[in-house]
Amino acid sequence: MSLKSQLESILFVAIKPMGVKELAGLTAVKSSEVEEALAALETEYRQDDRGLALVKNNNQYQLTSAADNAKLIQDFLKDETSGELSQPSLEALTIIAYRGPIGKLELEKIRGVNCSLIIRNLLLRGLIEEKYDKIKDEHYYTVTHDFMRFLGLNSVHDLPDYAKLSANEVVNEVIK
């Protein structure tokens, strides 16, 4: 698989912009090679009539929707963030509520699937928030105050069977 392909895949599933050094570490190549591949990708996205664009800001890169599709995307996201949650989103939100703060990798181990798009949707809806742990170099997710207020709870400890489900040994074995 080419470096451009690897970078495109990483940036596609990434929730946040990523730096060259981080991308170089993930792909095990030199930063200069990453910069060269990103420049080529950026050119390809600009030259073709594509629905995606590679945005560079302060040496951080992010794959976004093309500016020409902004209205379409806004309408879609409005529907996406105001409609009912999908079953997978509800599952992820429940796990975050009972197990939070929880890292993306742990969440994916429990669910057994990639959760990037679900996390993005829950963040957009204001149901979860993201915190970065510099020591562990990982993002962690917890439910927001809006989520708690919507359910009429003062604390996640007020969730049904919280003590039992938040420390479930079966789940603990899955995420080891």
Protein backbone atom coordinates (compact mmCIF):
# COMPACT_ATOMS: atom_id res chain seq x y z
CA MET A 1 0.00 0.00 0.00
CA SER A 2 1.39 3.42 -0.93
CA LEU A 3 2.17 6.12 1.61
CA LYS A 4 -0.43 8.40 0.00
CA SER A 5 -3.05 5.69 0.43
CA GLN A 6 -2.08 5.16 4.07
CA LEU A 7 -2.18 8.88 4.85
CA GLU A 8 -5.51 9.28 3.11
CA SER A 9 -6.99 6.42 5.17
CA ILE A 10 -5.66 7.79 8.45
CA LEU A 11 -6.91 11.30 7.73
CA PHE A 12 -10.28 9.94 6.63
CA VAL A 13 -10.96 8.29 10.00
CA ALA A 14 -9.20 10.89 12.17
CA ILE A 15 -11.50 13.06 14.22
CA LYS A 16 -9.05 15.93 14.50
CA PRO A 17 -6.31 17.50 12.36
CA MET A 18 -3.02 15.63 12.50
CA GLY A 19 0.57 16.84 12.38
CA VAL A 20 3.33 15.63 10.08
CA LYS A 21 5.34 14.12 12.94
CA GLU A 22 2.33 12.17 14.19
CA LEU A 23 1.60 10.89 10.68
CA ALA A 24 5.27 10.00 10.17
CA GLY A 25 5.23 8.01 13.41
CA LEU A 26 2.09 6.12 12.43
CA THR A 27 3.42 5.24 8.97
CA ALA A 28 7.03 4.66 10.10
CA VAL A 29 8.54 7.00 7.50
CA LYS A 30 10.44 10.29 7.57
CA SER A 31 8.55 13.55 8.01
CA SER A 32 9.86 14.76 4.66
CA GLU A 33 8.26 11.75 2.93
CA VAL A 34 4.94 12.48 4.65
CA GLU A 35 5.09 16.13 3.57
CA GLU A 36 5.81 15.08 -0.02
CA ALA A 37 2.93 12.58 -0.07
CA LEU A 38 0.54 15.10 1.50
CA ALA A 39 1.49 17.72 -1.10
CA ALA A 40 0.72 15.20 -3.85
CA LEU A 41 -2.63 14.35 -2.25
CA GLU A 42 -3.48 18.03 -1.90
CA THR A 43 -2.74 18.57 -5.59
CA GLU A 44 -4.86 15.59 -6.60
CA TYR A 45 -7.82 16.81 -4.57
CA ARG A 46 -7.50 20.30 -6.05
CA GLN A 47 -7.15 19.17 -9.67
CA ASP A 48 -9.98 16.67 -9.78
CA ASP A 49 -13.64 17.42 -9.21
CA ARG A 50 -13.59 15.72 -5.81
CA GLY A 51 -15.93 15.72 -2.85
CA LEU A 52 -13.02 15.87 -0.42
CA ALA A 53 -10.27 18.38 0.22
CA LEU A 54 -7.03 18.22 2.16
CA VAL A 55 -6.76 21.24 4.43
CA LYS A 56 -3.45 22.38 5.92
CA ASN A 57 -3.43 24.78 8.85
CA ASN A 58 -0.44 25.42 11.14
CA ASN A 59 1.29 22.27 9.88
CA GLN A 60 -1.79 20.22 10.78
CA TYR A 61 -3.68 18.30 8.10
CA GLN A 62 -7.30 17.26 7.92
CA LEU A 63 -9.42 15.63 5.26
CA THR A 64 -12.64 17.63 4.87
CA SER A 65 -15.56 17.91 2.51
CA ALA A 66 -15.00 20.13 -0.53
CA ALA A 67 -15.97 23.78 -0.06
CA ASP A 68 -18.29 23.59 -3.11
CA ASN A 69 -20.43 21.08 -1.20
CA ALA A 70 -20.75 23.19 1.96
CA LYS A 71 -24.52 23.81 1.69
CA LEU A 72 -25.24 20.14 1.00
CA ILE A 73 -23.09 19.06 3.96
CA GLN A 74 -24.69 21.65 6.27
CA ASP A 75 -28.15 20.34 5.38
CA PHE A 76 -27.02 16.75 5.89
CA LEU A 77 -25.39 17.49 9.25
CA LYS A 78 -28.44 19.41 10.40
CA ASP A 79 -30.54 16.32 9.73
CA GLU A 80 -27.86 14.07 11.20
CA THR A 81 -27.58 16.08 14.43
CA SER A 82 -31.26 16.69 14.97
CA GLY A 83 -32.72 13.27 14.12
CA GLU A 84 -32.87 10.21 16.30
CA LEU A 85 -29.66 8.44 17.23
CA SER A 86 -28.88 5.22 15.40
CA GLN A 87 -28.62 1.96 17.34
CA PRO A 88 -24.78 1.97 17.05
CA SER A 89 -24.68 5.58 18.31
CA LEU A 90 -26.89 4.69 21.27
CA GLU A 91 -24.63 1.73 22.07
CA ALA A 92 -21.50 3.89 21.98
CA LEU A 93 -23.16 6.63 24.04
CA THR A 94 -24.23 4.08 26.65
CA ILE A 95 -20.72 2.67 26.87
CA ILE A 96 -19.27 6.17 27.24
CA ALA A 97 -21.83 7.02 29.93
CA TYR A 98 -21.14 3.89 31.98
CA ARG A 99 -17.41 3.46 31.32
CA GLY A 100 -16.23 7.06 30.77
CA PRO A 101 -13.80 8.52 30.61
CA ILE A 102 -13.02 5.97 27.93
CA GLY A 103 -10.51 6.00 25.10
CA LYS A 104 -11.46 5.39 21.48
CA LEU A 105 -9.50 2.12 21.39
CA GLU A 106 -11.31 0.77 24.45
CA LEU A 107 -14.66 1.79 22.99
CA GLU A 108 -13.80 0.02 19.73
CA LYS A 109 -12.70 -3.13 21.58
CA ILE A 110 -16.01 -3.27 23.41
CA ARG A 111 -18.11 -2.59 20.29
CA GLY A 112 -15.87 -4.57 17.92
CA VAL A 113 -15.98 -1.92 15.17
CA ASN A 114 -14.43 1.43 14.24
CA CYS A 115 -16.24 4.21 16.10
CA SER A 116 -14.73 7.33 14.48
CA LEU A 117 -17.89 8.49 12.73
CA ILE A 118 -20.08 7.72 15.73
CA ILE A 119 -17.77 9.70 18.01
CA ARG A 120 -17.82 12.61 15.54
CA ASN A 121 -21.62 12.55 15.46
CA LEU A 122 -21.92 12.42 19.26
CA LEU A 123 -19.43 15.29 19.57
CA LEU A 124 -21.40 17.36 17.02
CA ARG A 125 -24.60 16.73 18.94
CA GLY A 126 -22.96 17.89 22.17
CA LEU A 127 -23.66 14.58 23.91
CA ILE A 128 -20.02 13.72 24.61
CA GLU A 129 -16.86 15.71 25.09
CA GLU A 130 -13.26 14.91 24.32
CA LYS A 131 -10.31 15.37 26.65
CA TYR A 132 -6.69 14.77 25.76
CA ASP A 133 -4.31 12.99 28.16
CA LYS A 134 -0.80 14.20 27.32
CA ILE A 135 0.88 11.48 29.35
CA LYS A 136 -0.95 8.62 27.62
CA ASP A 137 -1.16 10.54 24.30
CA GLU A 138 -4.78 9.53 23.92
CA HIS A 139 -8.19 11.18 23.69
CA TYR A 140 -10.83 10.22 26.22
CA TYR A 141 -14.57 10.68 26.00
CA THR A 142 -17.18 11.42 28.65
CA VAL A 143 -20.81 12.44 28.49
CA THR A 144 -21.57 16.17 28.68
CA HIS A 145 -23.60 18.17 31.15
CA ASP A 146 -26.21 18.60 28.39
CA PHE A 147 -26.55 14.81 28.19
CA MET A 148 -26.99 14.63 31.97
CA ARG A 149 -29.47 17.51 31.99
CA PHE A 150 -31.49 15.92 29.14
CA LEU A 151 -31.84 12.71 31.18
CA GLY A 152 -32.59 14.66 34.36
CA LEU A 153 -29.57 13.25 36.19
CA ASN A 154 -27.22 14.94 38.61
CA SER A 155 -24.44 12.43 38.03
CA VAL A 156 -23.64 9.42 35.87
CA HIS A 157 -23.83 7.47 39.13
CA ASP A 158 -27.61 8.03 38.96
CA LEU A 159 -27.84 5.92 35.77
CA PRO A 160 -29.70 2.61 36.27
CA ASP A 161 -27.40 -0.11 37.67
CA TYR A 162 -24.39 2.22 37.32
CA ALA A 163 -22.26 0.54 40.02
CA LYS A 164 -22.82 -2.92 38.55
CA LEU A 165 -22.39 -2.01 34.86
CA SER A 166 -19.51 0.46 35.19
CA ALA A 167 -17.33 -2.24 36.77
CA ASN A 168 -18.55 -5.23 34.76
CA GLU A 169 -15.83 -7.89 34.75
CA VAL A 170 -16.80 -9.27 31.34
CA VAL A 171 -16.24 -5.83 29.81
CA ASN A 172 -12.99 -5.47 31.73
CA GLU A 173 -11.75 -8.71 30.17
CA VAL A 174 -12.69 -7.54 26.66
CA ILE A 175 -10.70 -4.30 26.92
CA LYS A 176 -7.54 -5.89 28.34
